[in-house]
N, C-alpha and C. Protein backbone atom coordinates (compact mmCIF):
# COMPACT_ATOMS: atom_id res chain seq x y z
N UNK A 1 34.42 58.74 169.43
CA UNK A 1 35.09 59.86 168.79
C UNK A 1 34.03 60.71 168.11
N UNK A 2 33.96 61.96 168.48
CA UNK A 2 33.02 62.89 167.87
C UNK A 2 33.80 64.09 167.37
N UNK A 3 33.84 64.24 166.04
CA UNK A 3 34.52 65.36 165.41
C UNK A 3 33.50 66.14 164.61
N UNK A 4 33.31 67.38 164.97
CA UNK A 4 32.27 68.21 164.35
C UNK A 4 32.89 69.52 163.87
N UNK A 5 33.05 69.63 162.57
CA UNK A 5 33.60 70.84 161.97
C UNK A 5 32.48 71.68 161.36
N UNK A 6 32.27 72.84 161.95
CA UNK A 6 31.21 73.73 161.49
C UNK A 6 31.75 74.88 160.65
N UNK A 7 32.82 75.51 161.12
CA UNK A 7 33.35 76.72 160.48
C UNK A 7 34.56 76.40 159.62
N UNK A 8 34.46 76.73 158.33
CA UNK A 8 35.52 76.45 157.37
C UNK A 8 36.05 77.75 156.78
N UNK A 9 37.35 77.79 156.56
CA UNK A 9 38.00 78.99 156.01
C UNK A 9 37.45 79.35 154.64
N UNK A 10 37.25 78.36 153.77
CA UNK A 10 36.85 78.63 152.39
C UNK A 10 35.53 77.96 151.99
N UNK A 11 34.79 77.46 152.92
CA UNK A 11 33.52 76.81 152.59
C UNK A 11 32.41 77.31 153.49
N UNK A 12 31.20 77.03 153.08
CA UNK A 12 30.04 77.42 153.89
C UNK A 12 30.03 76.64 155.20
N UNK A 13 29.48 77.25 156.23
CA UNK A 13 29.37 76.58 157.51
C UNK A 13 28.42 75.39 157.44
N UNK A 14 28.68 74.40 158.26
CA UNK A 14 27.81 73.22 158.40
C UNK A 14 26.99 73.43 159.68
N UNK A 15 25.77 73.87 159.51
CA UNK A 15 24.94 74.28 160.65
C UNK A 15 24.70 73.15 161.65
N UNK A 16 24.51 71.93 161.18
CA UNK A 16 24.18 70.81 162.07
C UNK A 16 25.35 70.28 162.86
N UNK A 17 26.57 70.71 162.58
CA UNK A 17 27.74 70.19 163.29
C UNK A 17 27.69 70.53 164.78
N UNK A 18 27.15 71.67 165.12
CA UNK A 18 27.07 72.05 166.53
C UNK A 18 26.19 71.07 167.31
N UNK A 19 25.08 70.64 166.72
CA UNK A 19 24.21 69.67 167.39
C UNK A 19 24.90 68.33 167.54
N UNK A 20 25.71 67.96 166.56
CA UNK A 20 26.45 66.70 166.64
C UNK A 20 27.44 66.76 167.80
N UNK A 21 28.15 67.87 167.94
CA UNK A 21 29.11 68.02 169.04
C UNK A 21 28.44 67.90 170.40
N UNK A 22 27.18 68.31 170.48
CA UNK A 22 26.46 68.27 171.75
C UNK A 22 26.06 66.87 172.18
N UNK A 23 26.33 65.85 171.36
CA UNK A 23 25.98 64.47 171.73
C UNK A 23 27.01 63.83 172.65
N UNK A 24 28.19 64.42 172.79
CA UNK A 24 29.26 63.82 173.60
C UNK A 24 28.84 63.49 175.03
N UNK A 25 28.16 64.38 175.75
CA UNK A 25 27.77 64.04 177.12
C UNK A 25 26.83 62.83 177.19
N UNK A 26 26.02 62.62 176.16
CA UNK A 26 25.11 61.48 176.16
C UNK A 26 25.87 60.17 176.01
N UNK A 27 26.89 60.17 175.15
CA UNK A 27 27.72 58.97 175.02
C UNK A 27 28.51 58.72 176.30
N UNK A 28 29.01 59.78 176.91
CA UNK A 28 29.74 59.61 178.18
C UNK A 28 28.81 59.06 179.26
N UNK A 29 27.57 59.53 179.31
CA UNK A 29 26.61 59.03 180.29
C UNK A 29 26.27 57.56 180.04
N UNK A 30 26.40 57.11 178.79
CA UNK A 30 26.14 55.71 178.45
C UNK A 30 27.37 54.83 178.70
N UNK A 31 28.44 55.42 179.22
CA UNK A 31 29.61 54.64 179.58
C UNK A 31 30.75 54.67 178.58
N UNK A 32 30.62 55.48 177.54
CA UNK A 32 31.70 55.56 176.55
C UNK A 32 32.77 56.56 177.01
N UNK A 33 34.02 56.20 176.79
CA UNK A 33 35.10 57.17 176.93
C UNK A 33 35.06 58.00 175.66
N UNK A 34 35.03 59.32 175.77
CA UNK A 34 34.85 60.14 174.58
C UNK A 34 36.12 60.92 174.25
N UNK A 35 36.38 61.00 172.95
CA UNK A 35 37.40 61.86 172.38
C UNK A 35 36.64 62.78 171.44
N UNK A 36 36.76 64.09 171.66
CA UNK A 36 35.95 65.03 170.89
C UNK A 36 36.81 66.13 170.29
N UNK A 37 36.21 66.84 169.36
CA UNK A 37 36.86 68.02 168.79
C UNK A 37 35.89 68.76 167.90
N UNK A 38 35.98 70.08 167.92
CA UNK A 38 35.15 70.91 167.05
C UNK A 38 36.03 71.91 166.31
N UNK A 39 35.65 72.17 165.07
CA UNK A 39 36.33 73.14 164.22
C UNK A 39 37.85 72.92 164.20
N UNK A 40 38.22 71.71 163.82
CA UNK A 40 39.63 71.31 163.86
C UNK A 40 40.28 71.33 162.48
N UNK A 41 41.52 71.81 162.42
CA UNK A 41 42.30 71.62 161.20
C UNK A 41 42.72 70.15 161.09
N UNK A 42 43.20 69.77 159.94
CA UNK A 42 43.48 68.35 159.67
C UNK A 42 44.50 67.75 160.64
N UNK A 43 45.51 68.49 161.06
CA UNK A 43 46.50 67.92 161.98
C UNK A 43 45.84 67.51 163.30
N UNK A 44 44.85 68.28 163.75
CA UNK A 44 44.14 67.94 164.98
C UNK A 44 43.15 66.80 164.77
N UNK A 45 42.56 66.71 163.57
CA UNK A 45 41.72 65.55 163.26
C UNK A 45 42.56 64.27 163.36
N UNK A 46 43.75 64.31 162.76
CA UNK A 46 44.63 63.14 162.81
C UNK A 46 45.03 62.81 164.24
N UNK A 47 45.30 63.83 165.05
CA UNK A 47 45.68 63.60 166.45
C UNK A 47 44.55 62.92 167.22
N UNK A 48 43.31 63.34 166.99
CA UNK A 48 42.17 62.73 167.69
C UNK A 48 41.99 61.27 167.25
N UNK A 49 42.13 61.02 165.94
CA UNK A 49 42.03 59.65 165.44
C UNK A 49 43.14 58.78 166.03
N UNK A 50 44.32 59.32 166.13
CA UNK A 50 45.44 58.59 166.71
C UNK A 50 45.17 58.27 168.18
N UNK A 51 44.61 59.24 168.91
CA UNK A 51 44.26 59.00 170.31
C UNK A 51 43.27 57.86 170.44
N UNK A 52 42.29 57.83 169.55
CA UNK A 52 41.31 56.74 169.57
C UNK A 52 41.99 55.42 169.24
N UNK A 53 42.82 55.40 168.23
CA UNK A 53 43.52 54.18 167.83
C UNK A 53 44.33 53.59 168.98
N UNK A 54 44.92 54.43 169.80
CA UNK A 54 45.76 53.95 170.90
C UNK A 54 44.97 53.20 171.97
N UNK A 55 43.68 53.48 172.09
CA UNK A 55 42.90 52.88 173.19
C UNK A 55 41.92 51.81 172.75
N UNK A 56 41.74 51.61 171.45
CA UNK A 56 40.76 50.62 170.99
C UNK A 56 41.27 49.20 171.25
N UNK A 57 40.40 48.42 171.83
CA UNK A 57 40.63 47.00 172.04
C UNK A 57 39.60 46.26 171.18
N UNK A 58 39.94 45.11 170.60
CA UNK A 58 38.98 44.39 169.76
C UNK A 58 37.65 44.06 170.45
N UNK A 59 37.62 44.06 171.78
CA UNK A 59 36.37 43.76 172.50
C UNK A 59 35.53 45.01 172.76
N UNK A 60 36.03 46.17 172.38
CA UNK A 60 35.34 47.44 172.66
C UNK A 60 34.15 47.66 171.74
N UNK A 61 33.28 48.54 172.23
CA UNK A 61 32.25 49.14 171.39
C UNK A 61 32.76 50.53 171.03
N UNK A 62 32.71 50.86 169.74
CA UNK A 62 33.30 52.11 169.26
C UNK A 62 32.25 52.86 168.44
N UNK A 63 32.12 54.14 168.72
CA UNK A 63 31.25 55.02 167.94
C UNK A 63 32.14 56.14 167.39
N UNK A 64 32.12 56.30 166.08
CA UNK A 64 32.85 57.39 165.43
C UNK A 64 31.83 58.23 164.69
N UNK A 65 31.79 59.51 165.03
CA UNK A 65 30.86 60.45 164.39
C UNK A 65 31.68 61.58 163.77
N UNK A 66 31.51 61.77 162.47
CA UNK A 66 32.19 62.86 161.76
C UNK A 66 31.13 63.75 161.12
N UNK A 67 31.14 65.02 161.45
CA UNK A 67 30.19 65.96 160.87
C UNK A 67 30.97 67.13 160.30
N UNK A 68 30.70 67.47 159.04
CA UNK A 68 31.39 68.57 158.40
C UNK A 68 31.37 68.40 156.89
N UNK A 69 32.36 68.99 156.24
CA UNK A 69 32.48 68.85 154.79
C UNK A 69 33.28 67.60 154.44
N UNK A 70 32.81 66.92 153.41
CA UNK A 70 33.52 65.77 152.84
C UNK A 70 33.78 66.08 151.37
N UNK A 71 34.87 65.53 150.87
CA UNK A 71 35.18 65.61 149.45
C UNK A 71 35.43 64.19 148.96
N UNK A 72 35.08 63.95 147.70
CA UNK A 72 35.25 62.60 147.16
C UNK A 72 35.89 62.66 145.78
N UNK A 73 36.58 61.57 145.47
CA UNK A 73 37.09 61.33 144.12
C UNK A 73 36.47 60.01 143.68
N UNK A 74 36.95 59.47 142.59
CA UNK A 74 36.43 58.18 142.15
C UNK A 74 36.82 57.05 143.10
N UNK A 75 37.90 57.23 143.87
CA UNK A 75 38.37 56.13 144.68
C UNK A 75 38.42 56.36 146.17
N UNK A 76 38.10 57.55 146.67
CA UNK A 76 38.24 57.83 148.10
C UNK A 76 37.32 58.98 148.51
N UNK A 77 37.02 59.02 149.81
CA UNK A 77 36.30 60.13 150.42
C UNK A 77 37.17 60.66 151.55
N UNK A 78 37.20 61.97 151.74
CA UNK A 78 37.98 62.61 152.79
C UNK A 78 37.07 63.47 153.66
N UNK A 79 37.36 63.47 154.96
CA UNK A 79 36.73 64.38 155.92
C UNK A 79 37.68 65.56 156.05
N UNK A 80 37.19 66.75 155.71
CA UNK A 80 38.06 67.91 155.58
C UNK A 80 38.28 68.64 156.89
N UNK A 81 39.53 69.06 157.08
CA UNK A 81 39.86 69.96 158.16
C UNK A 81 39.38 71.36 157.82
N UNK A 82 39.28 72.19 158.83
CA UNK A 82 38.72 73.53 158.64
C UNK A 82 39.60 74.42 157.77
N UNK A 83 40.86 74.06 157.58
CA UNK A 83 41.76 74.89 156.78
C UNK A 83 41.72 74.56 155.29
N UNK A 84 40.97 73.55 154.90
CA UNK A 84 40.93 73.13 153.49
C UNK A 84 40.58 74.31 152.58
N UNK A 85 41.47 74.60 151.65
CA UNK A 85 41.29 75.74 150.75
C UNK A 85 41.44 75.27 149.31
N UNK A 86 40.33 74.96 148.68
CA UNK A 86 40.25 74.50 147.29
C UNK A 86 41.24 73.36 147.04
N UNK A 87 41.14 72.29 147.83
CA UNK A 87 42.03 71.17 147.58
C UNK A 87 41.67 70.48 146.27
N UNK A 88 42.67 69.89 145.64
CA UNK A 88 42.43 69.04 144.48
C UNK A 88 42.88 67.63 144.84
N UNK A 89 42.79 66.72 143.91
CA UNK A 89 43.11 65.33 144.21
C UNK A 89 44.54 65.17 144.74
N UNK A 90 45.47 65.98 144.26
CA UNK A 90 46.86 65.86 144.68
C UNK A 90 47.12 66.45 146.06
N UNK A 91 46.29 67.39 146.52
CA UNK A 91 46.57 68.09 147.77
C UNK A 91 45.59 67.80 148.90
N UNK A 92 44.50 67.13 148.62
CA UNK A 92 43.46 66.94 149.63
C UNK A 92 43.96 66.17 150.85
N UNK A 93 44.89 65.26 150.67
CA UNK A 93 45.40 64.49 151.80
C UNK A 93 46.08 65.34 152.86
N UNK A 94 46.58 66.51 152.50
CA UNK A 94 47.22 67.41 153.45
C UNK A 94 46.22 68.19 154.29
N UNK A 95 44.96 68.26 153.85
CA UNK A 95 43.95 69.06 154.54
C UNK A 95 42.76 68.24 154.99
N UNK A 96 42.95 66.92 155.07
CA UNK A 96 41.81 66.05 155.36
C UNK A 96 42.28 64.71 155.91
N UNK A 97 41.31 63.92 156.34
CA UNK A 97 41.55 62.54 156.77
C UNK A 97 40.78 61.63 155.83
N UNK A 98 41.46 60.64 155.30
CA UNK A 98 40.80 59.69 154.40
C UNK A 98 39.79 58.85 155.15
N UNK A 99 38.61 58.70 154.58
CA UNK A 99 37.58 57.89 155.21
C UNK A 99 38.02 56.43 155.31
N UNK A 100 38.82 55.96 154.38
CA UNK A 100 39.32 54.58 154.47
C UNK A 100 40.15 54.39 155.75
N UNK A 101 40.87 55.42 156.18
CA UNK A 101 41.63 55.34 157.43
C UNK A 101 40.67 55.25 158.62
N UNK A 102 39.64 56.07 158.62
CA UNK A 102 38.64 56.04 159.69
C UNK A 102 38.00 54.66 159.79
N UNK A 103 37.64 54.09 158.65
CA UNK A 103 36.99 52.78 158.64
C UNK A 103 37.95 51.68 159.09
N UNK A 104 39.22 51.80 158.75
CA UNK A 104 40.20 50.81 159.20
C UNK A 104 40.38 50.87 160.71
N UNK A 105 40.36 52.08 161.27
CA UNK A 105 40.44 52.21 162.73
C UNK A 105 39.20 51.60 163.38
N UNK A 106 38.03 51.87 162.83
CA UNK A 106 36.79 51.28 163.36
C UNK A 106 36.83 49.76 163.30
N UNK A 107 37.47 49.22 162.30
CA UNK A 107 37.55 47.76 162.13
C UNK A 107 38.37 47.09 163.23
N UNK A 108 39.08 47.88 164.04
CA UNK A 108 39.82 47.32 165.17
C UNK A 108 38.88 46.75 166.22
N UNK A 109 37.60 47.11 166.15
CA UNK A 109 36.57 46.57 167.05
C UNK A 109 35.55 45.82 166.19
N UNK A 110 35.92 44.66 165.65
CA UNK A 110 35.04 43.96 164.71
C UNK A 110 33.67 43.65 165.32
N UNK A 111 32.63 44.05 164.59
CA UNK A 111 31.27 43.82 165.05
C UNK A 111 30.83 44.76 166.17
N UNK A 112 31.72 45.62 166.64
CA UNK A 112 31.39 46.50 167.75
C UNK A 112 31.53 47.96 167.43
N UNK A 113 31.63 48.31 166.15
CA UNK A 113 31.85 49.71 165.78
C UNK A 113 30.73 50.24 164.91
N UNK A 114 30.44 51.52 165.11
CA UNK A 114 29.49 52.24 164.29
C UNK A 114 30.17 53.52 163.82
N UNK A 115 30.07 53.80 162.53
CA UNK A 115 30.61 55.04 161.98
C UNK A 115 29.44 55.83 161.41
N UNK A 116 29.28 57.06 161.89
CA UNK A 116 28.19 57.92 161.48
C UNK A 116 28.79 59.16 160.81
N UNK A 117 28.31 59.45 159.59
CA UNK A 117 28.83 60.58 158.83
C UNK A 117 27.71 61.58 158.60
N UNK A 118 27.99 62.84 158.85
CA UNK A 118 26.98 63.87 158.66
C UNK A 118 27.53 65.04 157.87
N UNK A 119 26.77 65.47 156.90
CA UNK A 119 27.15 66.62 156.10
C UNK A 119 25.89 67.32 155.61
N UNK A 120 26.06 68.44 154.95
CA UNK A 120 24.96 69.19 154.37
C UNK A 120 25.35 69.63 152.97
N UNK A 121 24.38 69.85 152.14
CA UNK A 121 24.65 70.35 150.78
C UNK A 121 24.95 71.84 150.90
N UNK A 122 26.22 72.17 151.07
CA UNK A 122 26.67 73.55 151.23
C UNK A 122 27.79 73.83 150.24
N UNK A 123 28.00 75.10 149.95
CA UNK A 123 29.04 75.50 149.00
C UNK A 123 30.41 75.17 149.56
N UNK A 124 31.21 74.47 148.76
CA UNK A 124 32.57 74.12 149.13
C UNK A 124 33.43 74.13 147.86
N UNK A 125 34.32 75.08 147.72
CA UNK A 125 35.16 75.12 146.52
C UNK A 125 36.18 73.99 146.54
N UNK A 126 36.17 73.20 145.49
CA UNK A 126 37.09 72.07 145.36
C UNK A 126 37.83 72.16 144.04
N UNK A 127 39.03 71.63 144.02
CA UNK A 127 39.85 71.63 142.82
C UNK A 127 39.60 70.40 141.95
N UNK A 128 40.50 70.23 141.02
CA UNK A 128 40.39 69.22 139.98
C UNK A 128 40.26 67.81 140.57
N UNK A 129 39.32 67.05 140.01
CA UNK A 129 39.04 65.64 140.29
C UNK A 129 38.41 65.39 141.66
N UNK A 130 37.90 66.43 142.31
CA UNK A 130 37.16 66.26 143.56
C UNK A 130 35.74 66.78 143.41
N UNK A 131 34.83 66.12 144.14
CA UNK A 131 33.43 66.53 144.20
C UNK A 131 33.03 66.61 145.67
N UNK A 132 32.08 67.46 146.01
CA UNK A 132 31.64 67.51 147.40
C UNK A 132 30.83 66.27 147.77
N UNK A 133 30.82 65.95 149.04
CA UNK A 133 29.99 64.87 149.54
C UNK A 133 30.74 63.61 149.83
N UNK A 134 29.97 62.60 150.21
CA UNK A 134 30.48 61.30 150.62
C UNK A 134 30.33 60.34 149.44
N UNK A 135 31.41 59.71 149.07
CA UNK A 135 31.39 58.76 147.96
C UNK A 135 30.82 57.41 148.36
N UNK A 136 30.83 56.52 147.42
CA UNK A 136 30.31 55.17 147.64
C UNK A 136 31.14 54.43 148.68
N UNK A 137 30.45 53.75 149.57
CA UNK A 137 31.10 52.94 150.59
C UNK A 137 30.79 51.47 150.35
N UNK A 138 31.82 50.66 150.31
CA UNK A 138 31.63 49.22 150.15
C UNK A 138 31.46 48.56 151.49
């Protein structure tokens, strides 16, 4: 799964997301079935994750790459859809995918999954109780 969000309605562009999206043919050449998406709103991010969830078998090797803006609170990190417009802690779930959900999907392939997160220090307006970036991962 390769999801690369470069262009955001209310945030600065993520320049490196385009290069991340270009990795899909290399994974396909290595034998991976690929699910991809670029510049997706949150509903399409969820649809791509759901598509991946439907095909994962515990014996699979899984690579999940997310590139774009992330927002964090004290307890969660979210990968933002392109429509995110100054989300706060109460509204971020409507414009993003929780990283805990992504990690739980990856856990369907125990010992065979890699999750790669990419972002840049770019301007992103966020509301109350959110900070830009990727929070602590246990």
